[in-house]
Amino acid sequence: MTGSPVKYGRKVIVPKSIGQEDFSILSKCQCRSDGLNGLLKVSGLCVSENSVSIVLADYLFTDLQKQTTWDTIYQRSQGQPFQYFDWFLGYSSLRGLILQLLQDMESEAPLKLLDIGCGTSELGPRLYCECPFPLHVYCVDFSPIALAIMRAQFSLLPLPVSPASQLHFVQMDIGNLSGFQQQSFDLILDKGTLDALLRADDGGEAARCALTQSLGMLRPGGSMLQISDEDPDVRIVWLESLCLATVTALEVDTEKNAGYFAYIIKPTSMSTWR
């Protein structure tokens, strides 16, 4: 990240040049691989209010790991005019952080970004349109209905700022990303997807599998960005039980939203995911 943060003990205030919003670094720690210790606090799953969130309210405590649940949610929530739906925070709140992470990566080829569990989020399409350098965006979801909705909006998007940018919608279960080549992405976005999986009644297995699969897709030097409302004292403990990585926790505080966190996960060894 650009600029020199001003340190206040363990808390670091990142200059506003990072983007439109304030991000406060809460902690940076080295995670170790020592087995799942079962600390799986469930987040509040706060969502923006539109037709999807109204339907979603019926499913907040059951079956969020099932494709049929999400097919029903997206089928029942379709309305006119179309509205994007985003967990926790939207594009305007995260644009600066995401673009800064991408800019810090060195690559002669176009950067590749994977948005896992994209649903009908505007993040992928907006990054494709507005990223000032070539970016190949892959929006992945296991719901064919969500992807059909997103593909229908593609023709309405403006041309990308960078003519070499690409946008792809791919139906795939994030518990099995074998359709992609290992270590092929520079940045992976997870905005609420693992939070939903942590609600599954499986002891965290679906979330663990999705995290393992995702981290295996990162190129050396790549990062995973998680957006969640789960407190760092819980989320970092869960992450450290699964992988060997450096995790930076940022508190995202906007004018409209508070209590959200961005977790930047940088693997330190590609052989530790299990």
Protein backbone atom coordinates (compact mmCIF):
# COMPACT_ATOMS: atom_id res chain seq x y z
CA MET A 1 0.00 0.00 0.00
CA THR A 2 1.20 3.47 -0.73
CA GLY A 3 2.13 6.01 1.90
CA SER A 4 3.62 5.60 5.34
CA PRO A 5 1.00 4.69 7.94
CA VAL A 6 1.09 6.58 11.23
CA LYS A 7 1.38 4.10 14.08
CA TYR A 8 -0.57 4.32 17.33
CA GLY A 9 0.58 1.29 19.29
CA ARG A 10 -0.97 -1.77 17.64
CA LYS A 11 -3.39 0.35 15.63
CA VAL A 12 -2.33 1.90 12.36
CA ILE A 13 -4.28 4.58 10.50
CA VAL A 14 -3.86 4.17 6.75
CA PRO A 15 -3.82 7.46 4.78
CA LYS A 16 -6.98 8.23 2.79
CA SER A 17 -5.00 7.95 -0.43
CA ILE A 18 -5.84 4.26 -0.29
CA GLY A 19 -9.35 5.06 -1.47
CA GLN A 20 -12.60 6.76 -0.63
CA GLU A 21 -12.97 5.30 2.83
CA ASP A 22 -10.97 4.92 6.05
CA PHE A 23 -9.24 1.63 6.79
CA SER A 24 -7.66 0.99 10.18
CA ILE A 25 -5.15 -1.83 10.54
CA LEU A 26 -6.05 -3.78 13.65
CA SER A 27 -3.45 -6.50 13.63
CA LYS A 28 -0.95 -8.33 11.48
CA CYS A 29 0.04 -11.80 12.51
CA GLN A 30 1.79 -14.90 11.26
CA CYS A 31 -0.69 -17.78 11.14
CA ARG A 32 0.41 -21.32 11.76
CA SER A 33 -0.99 -24.65 10.63
CA ASP A 34 -2.03 -26.52 13.77
CA GLY A 35 -5.39 -28.08 12.95
CA LEU A 36 -8.97 -26.85 13.25
CA ASN A 37 -9.73 -25.86 16.81
CA GLY A 38 -13.46 -25.44 16.31
CA LEU A 39 -13.81 -21.74 17.05
CA LEU A 40 -16.48 -20.85 14.49
CA LYS A 41 -18.41 -17.82 15.66
CA VAL A 42 -21.31 -17.07 13.32
CA SER A 43 -21.42 -13.59 11.88
CA GLY A 44 -24.53 -11.42 11.74
CA LEU A 45 -24.66 -11.69 7.93
CA CYS A 46 -25.75 -8.09 7.51
CA VAL A 47 -26.89 -7.34 3.98
CA SER A 48 -28.03 -4.41 1.89
CA GLU A 49 -31.78 -3.98 1.66
CA ASN A 50 -33.34 -4.94 -1.66
CA SER A 51 -35.42 -7.77 -3.07
CA VAL A 52 -32.68 -10.36 -2.47
CA SER A 53 -32.26 -9.44 1.19
CA ILE A 54 -36.02 -9.63 1.76
CA VAL A 55 -36.12 -13.18 0.41
CA LEU A 56 -32.83 -14.04 2.13
CA ALA A 57 -34.38 -13.30 5.52
CA ASP A 58 -36.28 -16.59 5.23
CA TYR A 59 -32.99 -18.53 4.99
CA LEU A 60 -30.68 -16.84 7.48
CA PHE A 61 -30.34 -19.85 9.73
CA THR A 62 -30.58 -22.84 7.38
CA ASP A 63 -29.23 -24.31 4.18
CA LEU A 64 -27.06 -21.42 3.00
CA GLN A 65 -24.49 -23.97 1.78
CA LYS A 66 -26.97 -25.52 -0.68
CA GLN A 67 -27.29 -24.52 -4.34
CA THR A 68 -31.06 -25.11 -4.28
CA THR A 69 -31.43 -22.53 -1.52
CA TRP A 70 -29.70 -19.85 -3.54
CA ASP A 71 -31.50 -20.79 -6.76
CA THR A 72 -34.76 -20.21 -4.90
CA ILE A 73 -33.55 -16.93 -3.42
CA TYR A 74 -32.49 -15.51 -6.78
CA GLN A 75 -35.56 -16.87 -8.57
CA ARG A 76 -37.94 -15.28 -6.08
CA SER A 77 -36.04 -11.97 -5.89
CA GLN A 78 -36.02 -11.11 -9.58
CA GLY A 79 -37.70 -7.81 -10.22
CA GLN A 80 -37.65 -4.71 -12.37
CA PRO A 81 -35.63 -2.64 -12.51
CA PHE A 82 -32.65 -4.88 -11.85
CA GLN A 83 -30.59 -4.12 -8.74
CA TYR A 84 -27.22 -5.54 -7.84
CA PHE A 85 -27.07 -7.15 -4.41
CA ASP A 86 -23.99 -7.01 -2.18
CA TRP A 87 -23.21 -8.56 1.17
CA PHE A 88 -21.90 -6.15 3.80
CA LEU A 89 -20.34 -3.43 1.60
CA GLY A 90 -20.66 -2.38 -2.03
CA TYR A 91 -18.21 -1.42 -4.73
CA SER A 92 -17.88 2.25 -3.74
CA SER A 93 -16.71 1.31 -0.24
CA LEU A 94 -14.14 -1.25 -1.41
CA ARG A 95 -12.93 0.13 -4.74
CA GLY A 96 -9.88 1.92 -3.33
CA LEU A 97 -8.65 -1.04 -1.30
CA ILE A 98 -9.10 -3.55 -4.13
CA LEU A 99 -7.42 -1.37 -6.75
CA GLN A 100 -4.53 -0.68 -4.37
CA LEU A 101 -3.99 -4.40 -3.81
CA LEU A 102 -3.99 -4.97 -7.57
CA GLN A 103 -1.63 -2.08 -8.25
CA ASP A 104 0.87 -3.48 -5.78
CA MET A 105 1.17 -6.70 -7.80
CA GLU A 106 3.79 -6.87 -10.49
CA SER A 107 2.86 -8.67 -13.69
CA GLU A 108 3.56 -8.12 -17.37
CA ALA A 109 0.41 -10.05 -18.27
CA PRO A 110 -3.12 -8.88 -17.34
CA LEU A 111 -3.90 -9.49 -13.69
CA LYS A 112 -6.48 -12.17 -12.88
CA LEU A 113 -9.12 -11.73 -10.19
CA LEU A 114 -11.46 -14.44 -8.87
CA ASP A 115 -14.70 -13.44 -7.11
CA ILE A 116 -15.95 -16.54 -5.26
CA GLY A 117 -19.67 -16.78 -4.62
CA CYS A 118 -20.32 -13.67 -6.69
CA GLY A 119 -24.12 -13.96 -6.71
CA THR A 120 -25.48 -10.76 -8.21
CA SER A 121 -22.80 -8.48 -6.75
CA GLU A 122 -21.66 -5.43 -8.69
CA LEU A 123 -18.01 -5.88 -7.66
CA GLY A 124 -16.90 -7.96 -10.64
CA PRO A 125 -18.66 -5.95 -13.36
CA ARG A 126 -17.58 -2.60 -11.91
CA LEU A 127 -13.95 -3.69 -11.55
CA TYR A 128 -14.02 -4.94 -15.14
CA CYS A 129 -15.40 -1.61 -16.36
CA GLU A 130 -13.35 0.79 -14.23
CA CYS A 131 -9.97 -0.83 -13.57
CA PRO A 132 -7.39 1.45 -15.27
CA PHE A 133 -5.11 -1.46 -16.23
CA PRO A 134 -5.85 -4.82 -17.90
CA LEU A 135 -7.79 -7.09 -15.55
CA HIS A 136 -9.39 -10.46 -16.23
CA VAL A 137 -12.31 -10.91 -13.82
CA TYR A 138 -13.82 -14.34 -13.15
CA CYS A 139 -17.11 -14.27 -11.25
CA VAL A 140 -17.88 -17.74 -9.88
CA ASP A 141 -21.09 -19.03 -8.36
CA PHE A 142 -22.85 -22.40 -8.15
CA SER A 143 -26.26 -20.88 -8.87
CA PRO A 144 -27.07 -20.93 -12.61
CA ILE A 145 -29.94 -18.52 -11.96
CA ALA A 146 -27.63 -15.89 -10.42
CA LEU A 147 -25.22 -16.23 -13.33
CA ALA A 148 -28.02 -16.01 -15.91
CA ILE A 149 -29.15 -12.76 -14.29
CA MET A 150 -25.60 -11.38 -14.40
CA ARG A 151 -25.00 -12.43 -18.00
CA ALA A 152 -28.21 -10.67 -19.01
CA GLN A 153 -26.76 -7.41 -17.66
CA PHE A 154 -23.46 -7.72 -19.52
CA SER A 155 -24.65 -6.02 -22.72
CA LEU A 156 -25.73 -3.01 -20.65
CA LEU A 157 -22.28 -2.42 -19.18
CA PRO A 158 -20.11 0.40 -20.51
CA LEU A 159 -16.91 -0.50 -22.34
CA PRO A 160 -14.00 -1.13 -19.95
CA VAL A 161 -11.43 1.59 -19.39
CA SER A 162 -8.76 -0.91 -20.40
CA PRO A 163 -9.64 -2.57 -23.74
CA ALA A 164 -7.69 -5.68 -22.68
CA SER A 165 -9.90 -6.33 -19.63
CA GLN A 166 -12.22 -9.34 -19.63
CA LEU A 167 -15.27 -10.43 -17.62
CA HIS A 168 -16.30 -14.09 -17.24
CA PHE A 169 -19.21 -15.69 -15.40
CA VAL A 170 -18.48 -19.30 -14.45
CA GLN A 171 -20.75 -21.83 -12.78
CA MET A 172 -18.67 -23.73 -10.28
CA ASP A 173 -18.83 -24.90 -6.67
CA ILE A 174 -16.10 -23.11 -4.72
CA GLY A 175 -15.55 -26.33 -2.78
CA ASN A 176 -14.06 -27.72 -6.00
CA LEU A 177 -12.24 -25.19 -8.18
CA SER A 178 -10.48 -27.85 -10.26
CA GLY A 179 -11.80 -26.21 -13.42
CA PHE A 180 -9.14 -23.54 -12.94
CA GLN A 181 -5.40 -24.01 -13.07
CA GLN A 182 -3.65 -24.01 -9.71
CA GLN A 183 -1.78 -20.81 -8.78
CA SER A 184 -3.35 -18.82 -11.62
CA PHE A 185 -4.97 -15.85 -9.86
CA ASP A 186 -3.46 -12.69 -8.41
CA LEU A 187 -6.35 -11.71 -6.14
CA ILE A 188 -9.32 -13.65 -4.77
CA LEU A 189 -12.35 -11.84 -3.37
CA ASP A 190 -14.62 -13.36 -0.72
CA LYS A 191 -17.38 -11.04 0.43
CA GLY A 192 -19.68 -12.97 2.73
CA THR A 193 -19.36 -16.33 0.98
CA LEU A 194 -17.36 -18.08 3.70
CA ASP A 195 -19.52 -16.36 6.31
CA ALA A 196 -22.52 -18.11 4.78
CA LEU A 197 -20.70 -21.45 4.67
CA LEU A 198 -19.76 -21.11 8.33
CA ARG A 199 -23.48 -21.37 9.07
CA ALA A 200 -23.61 -24.88 7.62
CA ASP A 201 -24.17 -27.63 10.16
CA ASP A 202 -20.97 -29.46 9.26
CA GLY A 203 -18.44 -28.27 11.82
CA GLY A 204 -16.94 -25.76 9.39
CA GLU A 205 -15.99 -28.36 6.77
CA ALA A 206 -17.57 -26.53 3.80
CA ALA A 207 -15.88 -23.26 4.74
CA ARG A 208 -12.54 -24.99 5.32
CA CYS A 209 -12.74 -26.72 1.95
CA ALA A 210 -13.63 -23.48 0.16
CA LEU A 211 -10.74 -21.63 1.81
CA THR A 212 -8.29 -24.41 0.93
CA GLN A 213 -9.44 -24.50 -2.68
CA SER A 214 -9.27 -20.72 -3.00
CA LEU A 215 -5.81 -20.31 -1.56
CA GLY A 216 -4.54 -23.01 -3.88
CA MET A 217 -5.55 -20.79 -6.81
CA LEU A 218 -3.24 -17.93 -5.78
CA ARG A 219 -0.04 -17.23 -7.65
CA PRO A 220 3.09 -16.69 -5.54
CA GLY A 221 2.74 -13.18 -4.17
CA GLY A 222 -1.04 -13.21 -4.58
CA SER A 223 -3.60 -12.36 -1.90
CA MET A 224 -7.08 -13.26 -0.79
CA LEU A 225 -9.33 -10.46 0.43
CA GLN A 226 -12.16 -11.43 2.77
CA ILE A 227 -14.88 -8.97 3.75
CA SER A 228 -16.78 -9.93 6.89
CA ASP A 229 -18.49 -8.57 9.98
CA GLU A 230 -16.77 -11.20 12.11
CA ASP A 231 -14.41 -9.81 14.74
CA PRO A 232 -10.65 -10.31 14.15
CA ASP A 233 -10.29 -12.09 17.50
CA VAL A 234 -12.44 -14.86 16.03
CA ARG A 235 -11.67 -14.79 12.31
CA ILE A 236 -7.89 -14.72 12.67
CA VAL A 237 -7.97 -17.63 15.12
CA TRP A 238 -10.02 -19.62 12.59
CA LEU A 239 -7.65 -18.73 9.75
CA GLU A 240 -4.57 -19.60 11.78
CA SER A 241 -6.01 -23.03 12.51
CA LEU A 242 -6.16 -23.81 8.79
CA CYS A 243 -3.17 -22.30 7.04
CA LEU A 244 0.28 -20.79 7.14
CA ALA A 245 -0.20 -17.18 6.07
CA THR A 246 0.19 -13.56 7.00
CA VAL A 247 -3.18 -12.01 7.79
CA THR A 248 -3.75 -8.26 7.99
CA ALA A 249 -7.07 -7.17 9.52
CA LEU A 250 -8.48 -3.81 8.46
CA GLU A 251 -11.52 -2.21 10.03
CA VAL A 252 -13.66 -0.65 7.33
CA ASP A 253 -15.48 2.39 8.67
CA THR A 254 -17.62 4.34 6.21
CA GLU A 255 -20.18 7.10 6.67
CA LYS A 256 -23.03 4.61 6.27
CA ASN A 257 -21.52 1.41 7.65
CA ALA A 258 -19.44 0.39 10.64
CA GLY A 259 -18.31 -2.89 12.12
CA TYR A 260 -16.99 -4.51 8.94
CA PHE A 261 -13.54 -5.97 8.49
CA ALA A 262 -11.26 -6.67 5.55
CA TYR A 263 -8.84 -9.59 5.96
CA ILE A 264 -5.89 -9.66 3.57
CA ILE A 265 -4.48 -13.20 3.50
CA LYS A 266 -1.06 -13.73 1.96
CA PRO A 267 0.15 -17.35 1.92
CA THR A 268 3.70 -17.91 3.11
CA SER A 269 3.85 -21.48 1.82
CA MET A 270 1.89 -23.08 -1.02
CA SER A 271 2.32 -26.53 0.50
CA THR A 272 0.40 -25.98 3.75
CA TRP A 273 -3.24 -26.03 2.54
CA ARG A 274 -5.00 -29.21 3.61
